[in-house]
PDB file of N, CA and C in Angstrom:
ATOM      1  N   UNK A   1     183.233-220.240 -77.977  1.00  0.00           N
ATOM      2  CA  UNK A   1     184.148-219.487 -77.176  1.00  0.00           C
ATOM      3  C   UNK A   1     185.567-219.968 -77.471  1.00  0.00           C
ATOM      4  N   UNK A   2     186.480-219.048 -77.492  1.00  0.00           N
ATOM      5  CA  UNK A   2     187.857-219.408 -77.822  1.00  0.00           C
ATOM      6  C   UNK A   2     188.575-219.927 -76.575  1.00  0.00           C
ATOM      7  N   UNK A   3     189.615-220.668 -76.760  1.00  0.00           N
ATOM      8  CA  UNK A   3     190.353-221.205 -75.611  1.00  0.00           C
ATOM      9  C   UNK A   3     190.956-220.081 -74.747  1.00  0.00           C
ATOM     10  N   UNK A   4     191.320-218.963 -75.374  1.00  0.00           N
ATOM     11  CA  UNK A   4     191.896-217.845 -74.603  1.00  0.00           C
ATOM     12  C   UNK A   4     190.846-217.223 -73.675  1.00  0.00           C
ATOM     13  N   UNK A   5     189.601-217.161 -74.127  1.00  0.00           N
ATOM     14  CA  UNK A   5     188.534-216.579 -73.310  1.00  0.00           C
ATOM     15  C   UNK A   5     188.295-217.448 -72.075  1.00  0.00           C
ATOM     16  N   UNK A   6     188.392-218.762 -72.242  1.00  0.00           N
ATOM     17  CA  UNK A   6     188.199-219.649 -71.109  1.00  0.00           C
ATOM     18  C   UNK A   6     189.313-219.476 -70.086  1.00  0.00           C
ATOM     19  N   UNK A   7     190.513-219.243 -70.550  1.00  0.00           N
ATOM     20  CA  UNK A   7     191.645-219.059 -69.644  1.00  0.00           C
ATOM     21  C   UNK A   7     191.473-217.759 -68.867  1.00  0.00           C
ATOM     22  N   UNK A   8     191.053-216.682 -69.572  1.00  0.00           N
ATOM     23  CA  UNK A   8     190.845-215.398 -68.903  1.00  0.00           C
ATOM     24  C   UNK A   8     189.745-215.500 -67.839  1.00  0.00           C
ATOM     25  N   UNK A   9     188.658-216.195 -68.130  1.00  0.00           N
ATOM     26  CA  UNK A   9     187.569-216.349 -67.183  1.00  0.00           C
ATOM     27  C   UNK A   9     188.041-217.127 -65.960  1.00  0.00           C
ATOM     28  N   UNK A  10     188.803-218.174 -66.169  1.00  0.00           N
ATOM     29  CA  UNK A  10     189.311-218.981 -65.063  1.00  0.00           C
ATOM     30  C   UNK A  10     190.269-218.142 -64.216  1.00  0.00           C
ATOM     31  N   UNK A  11     191.117-217.315 -64.852  1.00  0.00           N
ATOM     32  CA  UNK A  11     192.058-216.484 -64.105  1.00  0.00           C
ATOM     33  C   UNK A  11     191.314-215.444 -63.277  1.00  0.00           C
ATOM     34  N   UNK A  12     190.259-214.802 -63.825  1.00  0.00           N
ATOM     35  CA  UNK A  12     189.475-213.811 -63.097  1.00  0.00           C
ATOM     36  C   UNK A  12     188.772-214.465 -61.915  1.00  0.00           C
ATOM     37  N   UNK A  13     188.264-215.656 -62.108  1.00  0.00           N
ATOM     38  CA  UNK A  13     187.588-216.379 -61.039  1.00  0.00           C
ATOM     39  C   UNK A  13     188.567-216.697 -59.918  1.00  0.00           C
ATOM     40  N   UNK A  14     189.776-217.124 -60.270  1.00  0.00           N
ATOM     41  CA  UNK A  14     190.787-217.434 -59.263  1.00  0.00           C
ATOM     42  C   UNK A  14     191.177-216.176 -58.478  1.00  0.00           C
ATOM     43  N   UNK A  15     191.286-215.059 -59.162  1.00  0.00           N
ATOM     44  CA  UNK A  15     191.645-213.800 -58.506  1.00  0.00           C
ATOM     45  C   UNK A  15     190.558-213.386 -57.526  1.00  0.00           C
ATOM     46  N   UNK A  16     189.288-213.499 -57.926  1.00  0.00           N
ATOM     47  CA  UNK A  16     188.178-213.159 -57.035  1.00  0.00           C
ATOM     48  C   UNK A  16     188.180-214.060 -55.803  1.00  0.00           C
ATOM     49  N   UNK A  17     188.457-215.347 -55.989  1.00  0.00           N
ATOM     50  CA  UNK A  17     188.503-216.273 -54.859  1.00  0.00           C
ATOM     51  C   UNK A  17     189.653-215.925 -53.927  1.00  0.00           C
ATOM     52  N   UNK A  18     190.781-215.527 -54.492  1.00  0.00           N
ATOM     53  CA  UNK A  18     191.928-215.153 -53.664  1.00  0.00           C
ATOM     54  C   UNK A  18     191.617-213.918 -52.829  1.00  0.00           C
ATOM     55  N   UNK A  19     190.969-212.913 -53.423  1.00  0.00           N
ATOM     56  CA  UNK A  19     190.629-211.692 -52.705  1.00  0.00           C
ATOM     57  C   UNK A  19     189.609-211.985 -51.617  1.00  0.00           C
ATOM     58  N   UNK A  20     188.633-212.803 -51.920  1.00  0.00           N
ATOM     59  CA  UNK A  20     187.607-213.151 -50.943  1.00  0.00           C
ATOM     60  C   UNK A  20     188.222-213.922 -49.776  1.00  0.00           C
ATOM     61  N   UNK A  21     189.100-214.857 -50.082  1.00  0.00           N
ATOM     62  CA  UNK A  21     189.737-215.611 -49.004  1.00  0.00           C
ATOM     63  C   UNK A  21     190.682-214.727 -48.198  1.00  0.00           C
ATOM     64  N   UNK A  22     191.297-213.767 -48.826  1.00  0.00           N
ATOM     65  CA  UNK A  22     192.204-212.857 -48.124  1.00  0.00           C
ATOM     66  C   UNK A  22     191.430-211.915 -47.209  1.00  0.00           C
ATOM     67  N   UNK A  23     190.343-211.360 -47.690  1.00  0.00           N
ATOM     68  CA  UNK A  23     189.574-210.379 -46.923  1.00  0.00           C
ATOM     69  C   UNK A  23     188.549-211.026 -46.006  1.00  0.00           C
ATOM     70  N   UNK A  24     188.218-212.234 -46.192  1.00  0.00           N
ATOM     71  CA  UNK A  24     187.190-212.886 -45.391  1.00  0.00           C
ATOM     72  C   UNK A  24     185.852-212.731 -46.088  1.00  0.00           C
ATOM     73  N   UNK A  25     184.801-212.712 -45.285  1.00  0.00           N
ATOM     74  CA  UNK A  25     183.459-212.592 -45.850  1.00  0.00           C
ATOM     75  C   UNK A  25     183.286-211.198 -46.453  1.00  0.00           C
ATOM     76  N   UNK A  26     182.528-211.085 -47.538  1.00  0.00           N
ATOM     77  CA  UNK A  26     182.313-209.763 -48.126  1.00  0.00           C
ATOM     78  C   UNK A  26     181.527-208.875 -47.167  1.00  0.00           C
ATOM     79  N   UNK A  27     181.795-207.604 -47.228  1.00  0.00           N
ATOM     80  CA  UNK A  27     181.120-206.638 -46.350  1.00  0.00           C
ATOM     81  C   UNK A  27     179.639-206.576 -46.714  1.00  0.00           C
ATOM     82  N   UNK A  28     178.775-206.501 -45.710  1.00  0.00           N
ATOM     83  CA  UNK A  28     177.345-206.415 -46.017  1.00  0.00           C
ATOM     84  C   UNK A  28     177.024-205.061 -46.653  1.00  0.00           C
ATOM     85  N   UNK A  29     175.924-205.023 -47.360  1.00  0.00           N
ATOM     86  CA  UNK A  29     175.488-203.776 -47.988  1.00  0.00           C
ATOM     87  C   UNK A  29     175.185-202.739 -46.904  1.00  0.00           C
ATOM     88  N   UNK A  30     175.205-201.471 -47.243  1.00  0.00           N
ATOM     89  CA  UNK A  30     175.057-200.399 -46.244  1.00  0.00           C
ATOM     90  C   UNK A  30     173.739-200.489 -45.499  1.00  0.00           C
ATOM     91  N   UNK A  31     172.682-200.973 -46.141  1.00  0.00           N
ATOM     92  CA  UNK A  31     171.385-201.016 -45.472  1.00  0.00           C
ATOM     93  C   UNK A  31     171.300-202.179 -44.479  1.00  0.00           C
ATOM     94  N   UNK A  32     172.277-203.042 -44.486  1.00  0.00           N
ATOM     95  CA  UNK A  32     172.293-204.141 -43.526  1.00  0.00           C
ATOM     96  C   UNK A  32     173.157-203.817 -42.312  1.00  0.00           C
ATOM     97  N   UNK A  33     173.768-202.662 -42.302  1.00  0.00           N
ATOM     98  CA  UNK A  33     174.625-202.268 -41.179  1.00  0.00           C
ATOM     99  C   UNK A  33     173.814-201.455 -40.179  1.00  0.00           C
ATOM    100  N   UNK A  34     173.825-201.837 -38.912  1.00  0.00           N
ATOM    101  CA  UNK A  34     173.059-201.078 -37.917  1.00  0.00           C
ATOM    102  C   UNK A  34     173.611-199.669 -37.714  1.00  0.00           C
ATOM    103  N   UNK A  35     174.910-199.476 -37.891  1.00  0.00           N
ATOM    104  CA  UNK A  35     175.496-198.144 -37.707  1.00  0.00           C
ATOM    105  C   UNK A  35     174.937-197.153 -38.732  1.00  0.00           C
ATOM    106  N   UNK A  36     174.687-197.607 -39.948  1.00  0.00           N
ATOM    107  CA  UNK A  36     174.127-196.719 -40.967  1.00  0.00           C
ATOM    108  C   UNK A  36     172.714-196.290 -40.578  1.00  0.00           C
ATOM    109  N   UNK A  37     171.923-197.227 -40.083  1.00  0.00           N
ATOM    110  CA  UNK A  37     170.551-196.881 -39.672  1.00  0.00           C
ATOM    111  C   UNK A  37     170.559-195.975 -38.451  1.00  0.00           C
ATOM    112  N   UNK A  38     171.465-196.227 -37.513  1.00  0.00           N
ATOM    113  CA  UNK A  38     171.563-195.347 -36.350  1.00  0.00           C
ATOM    114  C   UNK A  38     171.990-193.938 -36.757  1.00  0.00           C
ATOM    115  N   UNK A  39     172.901-193.843 -37.720  1.00  0.00           N
ATOM    116  CA  UNK A  39     173.319-192.533 -38.223  1.00  0.00           C
ATOM    117  C   UNK A  39     172.163-191.797 -38.890  1.00  0.00           C
ATOM    118  N   UNK A  40     171.403-192.514 -39.717  1.00  0.00           N
ATOM    119  CA  UNK A  40     170.246-191.897 -40.369  1.00  0.00           C
ATOM    120  C   UNK A  40     169.197-191.483 -39.345  1.00  0.00           C
ATOM    121  N   UNK A  41     168.995-192.317 -38.321  1.00  0.00           N
ATOM    122  CA  UNK A  41     168.044-191.990 -37.265  1.00  0.00           C
ATOM    123  C   UNK A  41     168.490-190.751 -36.484  1.00  0.00           C
ATOM    124  N   UNK A  42     169.790-190.643 -36.220  1.00  0.00           N
ATOM    125  CA  UNK A  42     170.312-189.466 -35.512  1.00  0.00           C
ATOM    126  C   UNK A  42     170.139-188.205 -36.348  1.00  0.00           C
ATOM    127  N   UNK A  43     170.409-188.285 -37.640  1.00  0.00           N
ATOM    128  CA  UNK A  43     170.242-187.126 -38.521  1.00  0.00           C
ATOM    129  C   UNK A  43     168.775-186.723 -38.588  1.00  0.00           C
ATOM    130  N   UNK A  44     167.875-187.704 -38.701  1.00  0.00           N
ATOM    131  CA  UNK A  44     166.435-187.399 -38.729  1.00  0.00           C
ATOM    132  C   UNK A  44     165.996-186.772 -37.412  1.00  0.00           C
ATOM    133  N   UNK A  45     166.548-187.245 -36.292  1.00  0.00           N
ATOM    134  CA  UNK A  45     166.212-186.666 -34.996  1.00  0.00           C
ATOM    135  C   UNK A  45     166.673-185.224 -34.873  1.00  0.00           C
ATOM    136  N   UNK A  46     167.856-184.941 -35.369  1.00  0.00           N
ATOM    137  CA  UNK A  46     168.372-183.564 -35.319  1.00  0.00           C
ATOM    138  C   UNK A  46     167.518-182.658 -36.194  1.00  0.00           C
ATOM    139  N   UNK A  47     167.173-183.102 -37.381  1.00  0.00           N
ATOM    140  CA  UNK A  47     166.340-182.292 -38.275  1.00  0.00           C
ATOM    141  C   UNK A  47     164.961-182.074 -37.658  1.00  0.00           C
ATOM    142  N   UNK A  48     164.387-183.126 -37.063  1.00  0.00           N
ATOM    143  CA  UNK A  48     163.091-182.987 -36.406  1.00  0.00           C
ATOM    144  C   UNK A  48     163.159-182.034 -35.220  1.00  0.00           C
ATOM    145  N   UNK A  49     164.223-182.113 -34.431  1.00  0.00           N
ATOM    146  CA  UNK A  49     164.393-181.216 -33.291  1.00  0.00           C
ATOM    147  C   UNK A  49     164.530-179.767 -33.712  1.00  0.00           C
ATOM    148  N   UNK A  50     165.276-179.522 -34.765  1.00  0.00           N
ATOM    149  CA  UNK A  50     165.425-178.152 -35.274  1.00  0.00           C
ATOM    150  C   UNK A  50     164.087-177.641 -35.798  1.00  0.00           C
ATOM    151  N   UNK A  51     163.332-178.475 -36.485  1.00  0.00           N
ATOM    152  CA  UNK A  51     162.015-178.072 -36.980  1.00  0.00           C
ATOM    153  C   UNK A  51     161.060-177.748 -35.842  1.00  0.00           C
ATOM    154  N   UNK A  52     161.061-178.566 -34.779  1.00  0.00           N
ATOM    155  CA  UNK A  52     160.196-178.311 -33.624  1.00  0.00           C
ATOM    156  C   UNK A  52     160.603-177.014 -32.940  1.00  0.00           C
ATOM    157  N   UNK A  53     161.912-176.818 -32.752  1.00  0.00           N
ATOM    158  CA  UNK A  53     162.394-175.592 -32.105  1.00  0.00           C
ATOM    159  C   UNK A  53     162.009-174.365 -32.933  1.00  0.00           C
ATOM    160  N   UNK A  54     162.120-174.465 -34.251  1.00  0.00           N
ATOM    161  CA  UNK A  54     161.803-173.326 -35.137  1.00  0.00           C
ATOM    162  C   UNK A  54     160.317-172.967 -35.044  1.00  0.00           C
ATOM    163  N   UNK A  55     159.439-173.968 -35.035  1.00  0.00           N
ATOM    164  CA  UNK A  55     158.007-173.673 -34.952  1.00  0.00           C
ATOM    165  C   UNK A  55     157.641-173.109 -33.589  1.00  0.00           C
ATOM    166  N   UNK A  56     158.262-173.587 -32.511  1.00  0.00           N
ATOM    167  CA  UNK A  56     158.002-173.047 -31.179  1.00  0.00           C
ATOM    168  C   UNK A  56     158.473-171.603 -31.078  1.00  0.00           C
ATOM    169  N   UNK A  57     159.608-171.307 -31.677  1.00  0.00           N
ATOM    170  CA  UNK A  57     160.134-169.942 -31.651  1.00  0.00           C
ATOM    171  C   UNK A  57     159.216-169.003 -32.415  1.00  0.00           C
ATOM    172  N   UNK A  58     158.716-169.435 -33.552  1.00  0.00           N
ATOM    173  CA  UNK A  58     157.804-168.602 -34.337  1.00  0.00           C
ATOM    174  C   UNK A  58     156.462-168.436 -33.629  1.00  0.00           C
ATOM    175  N   UNK A  59     156.012-169.464 -32.918  1.00  0.00           N
ATOM    176  CA  UNK A  59     154.739-169.364 -32.201  1.00  0.00           C
ATOM    177  C   UNK A  59     154.843-168.359 -31.060  1.00  0.00           C
ATOM    178  N   UNK A  60     155.986-168.265 -30.427  1.00  0.00           N
ATOM    179  CA  UNK A  60     156.166-167.309 -29.342  1.00  0.00           C
ATOM    180  C   UNK A  60     156.337-165.889 -29.862  1.00  0.00           C
ATOM    181  N   UNK A  61     156.751-165.725 -31.106  1.00  0.00           N
ATOM    182  CA  UNK A  61     156.963-164.400 -31.677  1.00  0.00           C
ATOM    183  C   UNK A  61     155.655-163.744 -32.114  1.00  0.00           C
ATOM    184  N   UNK A  62     154.583-164.511 -32.216  1.00  0.00           N
ATOM    185  CA  UNK A  62     153.293-163.962 -32.628  1.00  0.00           C
ATOM    186  C   UNK A  62     152.760-163.075 -31.498  1.00  0.00           C
ATOM    187  N   UNK A  63     152.334-161.854 -31.809  1.00  0.00           N
ATOM    188  CA  UNK A  63     151.842-160.976 -30.743  1.00  0.00           C
ATOM    189  C   UNK A  63     150.520-161.489 -30.166  1.00  0.00           C
ATOM    190  N   UNK A  64     150.353-161.250 -28.883  1.00  0.00           N
ATOM    191  CA  UNK A  64     149.100-161.619 -28.236  1.00  0.00           C
ATOM    192  C   UNK A  64     148.334-160.339 -27.922  1.00  0.00           C
ATOM    193  N   UNK A  65     147.036-160.378 -28.063  1.00  0.00           N
ATOM    194  CA  UNK A  65     146.188-159.216 -27.856  1.00  0.00           C
ATOM    195  C   UNK A  65     145.285-159.451 -26.654  1.00  0.00           C
ATOM    196  N   UNK A  66     145.154-158.403 -25.842  1.00  0.00           N
ATOM    197  CA  UNK A  66     144.268-158.462 -24.689  1.00  0.00           C
ATOM    198  C   UNK A  66     143.116-157.508 -24.975  1.00  0.00           C
ATOM    199  N   UNK A  67     141.901-157.994 -24.859  1.00  0.00           N
ATOM    200  CA  UNK A  67     140.736-157.151 -25.122  1.00  0.00           C
ATOM    201  C   UNK A  67     139.965-156.923 -23.827  1.00  0.00           C
ATOM    202  N   UNK A  68     139.236-155.814 -23.778  1.00  0.00           N
ATOM    203  CA  UNK A  68     138.426-155.482 -22.606  1.00  0.00           C
ATOM    204  C   UNK A  68     137.192-154.727 -23.073  1.00  0.00           C
ATOM    205  N   UNK A  69     136.178-154.690 -22.230  1.00  0.00           N
ATOM    206  CA  UNK A  69     134.966-153.940 -22.531  1.00  0.00           C
ATOM    207  C   UNK A  69     135.266-152.445 -22.482  1.00  0.00           C
ATOM    208  N   UNK A  70     134.600-151.691 -23.328  1.00  0.00           N
ATOM    209  CA  UNK A  70     134.752-150.241 -23.354  1.00  0.00           C
ATOM    210  C   UNK A  70     133.903-149.653 -22.231  1.00  0.00           C
ATOM    211  N   UNK A  71     134.499-148.753 -21.442  1.00  0.00           N
ATOM    212  CA  UNK A  71     133.765-148.080 -20.361  1.00  0.00           C
ATOM    213  C   UNK A  71     134.076-146.591 -20.410  1.00  0.00           C
ATOM    214  N   UNK A  72     133.129-145.791 -19.915  1.00  0.00           N
ATOM    215  CA  UNK A  72     133.340-144.345 -19.833  1.00  0.00           C
ATOM    216  C   UNK A  72     133.965-144.012 -18.490  1.00  0.00           C
ATOM    217  N   UNK A  73     134.850-143.012 -18.520  1.00  0.00           N
ATOM    218  CA  UNK A  73     135.473-142.593 -17.277  1.00  0.00           C
ATOM    219  C   UNK A  73     136.565-141.578 -17.560  1.00  0.00           C
ATOM    220  N   UNK A  74     137.149-141.084 -16.504  1.00  0.00           N
ATOM    221  CA  UNK A  74     138.241-140.133 -16.612  1.00  0.00           C
ATOM    222  C   UNK A  74     139.545-140.877 -16.866  1.00  0.00           C
ATOM    223  N   UNK A  75     140.401-140.223 -17.617  1.00  0.00           N
ATOM    224  CA  UNK A  75     141.732-140.778 -17.844  1.00  0.00           C
ATOM    225  C   UNK A  75     142.663-140.265 -16.766  1.00  0.00           C
ATOM    226  N   UNK A  76     143.410-141.134 -16.215  1.00  0.00           N
ATOM    227  CA  UNK A  76     144.414-140.747 -15.228  1.00  0.00           C
ATOM    228  C   UNK A  76     145.763-141.215 -15.729  1.00  0.00           C
ATOM    229  N   UNK A  77     146.672-140.264 -15.860  1.00  0.00           N
ATOM    230  CA  UNK A  77     148.017-140.591 -16.315  1.00  0.00           C
ATOM    231  C   UNK A  77     148.985-140.071 -15.266  1.00  0.00           C
ATOM    232  N   UNK A  78     149.871-140.891 -14.842  1.00  0.00           N
ATOM    233  CA  UNK A  78     150.886-140.440 -13.894  1.00  0.00           C
ATOM    234  C   UNK A  78     152.249-140.886 -14.410  1.00  0.00           C
ATOM    235  N   UNK A  79     153.219-140.030 -14.196  1.00  0.00           N
ATOM    236  CA  UNK A  79     154.576-140.319 -14.631  1.00  0.00           C
ATOM    237  C   UNK A  79     155.474-140.225 -13.416  1.00  0.00           C
ATOM    238  N   UNK A  80     156.242-141.218 -13.198  1.00  0.00           N
ATOM    239  CA  UNK A  80     157.211-141.225 -12.116  1.00  0.00           C
ATOM    240  C   UNK A  80     158.575-141.413 -12.761  1.00  0.00           C
ATOM    241  N   UNK A  81     159.495-140.465 -12.470  1.00  0.00           N
ATOM    242  CA  UNK A  81     160.809-140.545 -13.081  1.00  0.00           C
ATOM    243  C   UNK A  81     161.855-139.984 -12.134  1.00  0.00           C
ATOM    244  N   UNK A  82     163.053-140.423 -12.293  1.00  0.00           N
ATOM    245  CA  UNK A  82     164.205-139.910 -11.562  1.00  0.00           C
ATOM    246  C   UNK A  82     165.209-139.400 -12.575  1.00  0.00           C
ATOM    247  N   UNK A  83     165.974-138.402 -12.222  1.00  0.00           N
ATOM    248  CA  UNK A  83     167.015-137.941 -13.119  1.00  0.00           C
ATOM    249  C   UNK A  83     167.120-136.435 -13.128  1.00  0.00           C
ATOM    250  N   UNK A  84     167.872-135.922 -14.046  1.00  0.00           N
ATOM    251  CA  UNK A  84     168.110-134.490 -14.193  1.00  0.00           C
ATOM    252  C   UNK A  84     167.374-133.997 -15.417  1.00  0.00           C
ATOM    253  N   UNK A  85     166.705-132.868 -15.280  1.00  0.00           N
ATOM    254  CA  UNK A  85     166.010-132.271 -16.421  1.00  0.00           C
ATOM    255  C   UNK A  85     166.998-131.461 -17.244  1.00  0.00           C
ATOM    256  N   UNK A  86     166.914-131.592 -18.522  1.00  0.00           N
ATOM    257  CA  UNK A  86     167.762-130.840 -19.442  1.00  0.00           C
ATOM    258  C   UNK A  86     166.856-130.067 -20.387  1.00  0.00           C
ATOM    259  N   UNK A  87     167.093-128.766 -20.551  1.00  0.00           N
ATOM    260  CA  UNK A  87     166.260-127.998 -21.473  1.00  0.00           C
ATOM    261  C   UNK A  87     166.570-128.352 -22.916  1.00  0.00           C
ATOM    262  N   UNK A  88     165.556-128.179 -23.774  1.00  0.00           N
ATOM    263  CA  UNK A  88     165.782-128.430 -25.194  1.00  0.00           C
ATOM    264  C   UNK A  88     166.438-127.228 -25.868  1.00  0.00           C
ATOM    265  N   UNK A  89     166.156-126.007 -25.353  1.00  0.00           N
ATOM    266  CA  UNK A  89     166.796-124.793 -25.865  1.00  0.00           C
ATOM    267  C   UNK A  89     167.248-123.937 -24.698  1.00  0.00           C
ATOM    268  N   UNK A  90     168.361-123.249 -24.848  1.00  0.00           N
ATOM    269  CA  UNK A  90     168.821-122.310 -23.824  1.00  0.00           C
ATOM    270  C   UNK A  90     169.010-120.939 -24.463  1.00  0.00           C
ATOM    271  N   UNK A  91     168.730-119.891 -23.670  1.00  0.00           N
ATOM    272  CA  UNK A  91     168.892-118.517 -24.131  1.00  0.00           C
ATOM    273  C   UNK A  91     169.673-117.761 -23.055  1.00  0.00           C
ATOM    274  N   UNK A  92     170.691-117.056 -23.483  1.00  0.00           N
ATOM    275  CA  UNK A  92     171.464-116.243 -22.554  1.00  0.00           C
ATOM    276  C   UNK A  92     170.832-114.854 -22.495  1.00  0.00           C
ATOM    277  N   UNK A  93     170.511-114.413 -21.299  1.00  0.00           N
ATOM    278  CA  UNK A  93     169.919-113.085 -21.099  1.00  0.00           C
ATOM    279  C   UNK A  93     170.972-112.221 -20.401  1.00  0.00           C
ATOM    280  N   UNK A  94     171.166-111.047 -20.928  1.00  0.00           N
ATOM    281  CA  UNK A  94     172.155-110.134 -20.342  1.00  0.00           C
ATOM    282  C   UNK A  94     171.670-108.709 -20.400  1.00  0.00           C
ATOM    283  N   UNK A  95     172.344-107.834 -19.684  1.00  0.00           N
ATOM    284  CA  UNK A  95     171.969-106.419 -19.657  1.00  0.00           C
ATOM    285  C   UNK A  95     173.215-105.578 -19.861  1.00  0.00           C
ATOM    286  N   UNK A  96     173.033-104.450 -20.527  1.00  0.00           N
ATOM    287  CA  UNK A  96     174.166-103.545 -20.704  1.00  0.00           C
ATOM    288  C   UNK A  96     174.341-102.619 -19.503  1.00  0.00           C
ATOM    289  N   UNK A  97     173.338-102.490 -18.675  1.00  0.00           N
ATOM    290  CA  UNK A  97     173.411-101.627 -17.496  1.00  0.00           C
ATOM    291  C   UNK A  97     173.616-102.475 -16.270  1.00  0.00           C
ATOM    292  N   UNK A  98     174.377-101.982 -15.348  1.00  0.00           N
ATOM    293  CA  UNK A  98     174.563-102.698 -14.105  1.00  0.00           C
ATOM    294  C   UNK A  98     173.563-102.214 -13.097  1.00  0.00           C
ATOM    295  N   UNK A  99     173.269-103.024 -12.143  1.00  0.00           N
ATOM    296  CA  UNK A  99     172.329-102.648 -11.109  1.00  0.00           C
ATOM    297  C   UNK A  99     171.356-103.780 -10.837  1.00  0.00           C
ATOM    298  N   UNK A 100     170.396-103.507  -9.967  1.00  0.00           N
ATOM    299  CA  UNK A 100     169.407-104.522  -9.596  1.00  0.00           C
ATOM    300  C   UNK A 100     168.300-104.544 -10.619  1.00  0.00           C
ATOM    301  N   UNK A 101     167.930-105.669 -10.982  1.00  0.00           N
ATOM    302  CA  UNK A 101     166.844-105.812 -11.956  1.00  0.00           C
ATOM    303  C   UNK A 101     165.586-106.118 -11.191  1.00  0.00           C
TER     304      UNK A 101
END
């Protein structure tokens, strides 16, 4: 190794020591931070909640069928309504002669 390489290595080492002493202890890796795990847990909870809500919504959208035994009998249909009746077609009737019809 050349003498210049040794000087460069010593200078880089001194710079790293200065930065470390200036900043304090190095920051822990992301997986050692509880905030990162809490954030991941919150995201997983939101995704799980959306998935559960989606499956419940789809389960309620499925039609339900009611079955009964077939029996013979008369059909009774009744209609109860309120409102005004409107004709589908109108025809004007008139006469060319006056008088009682």
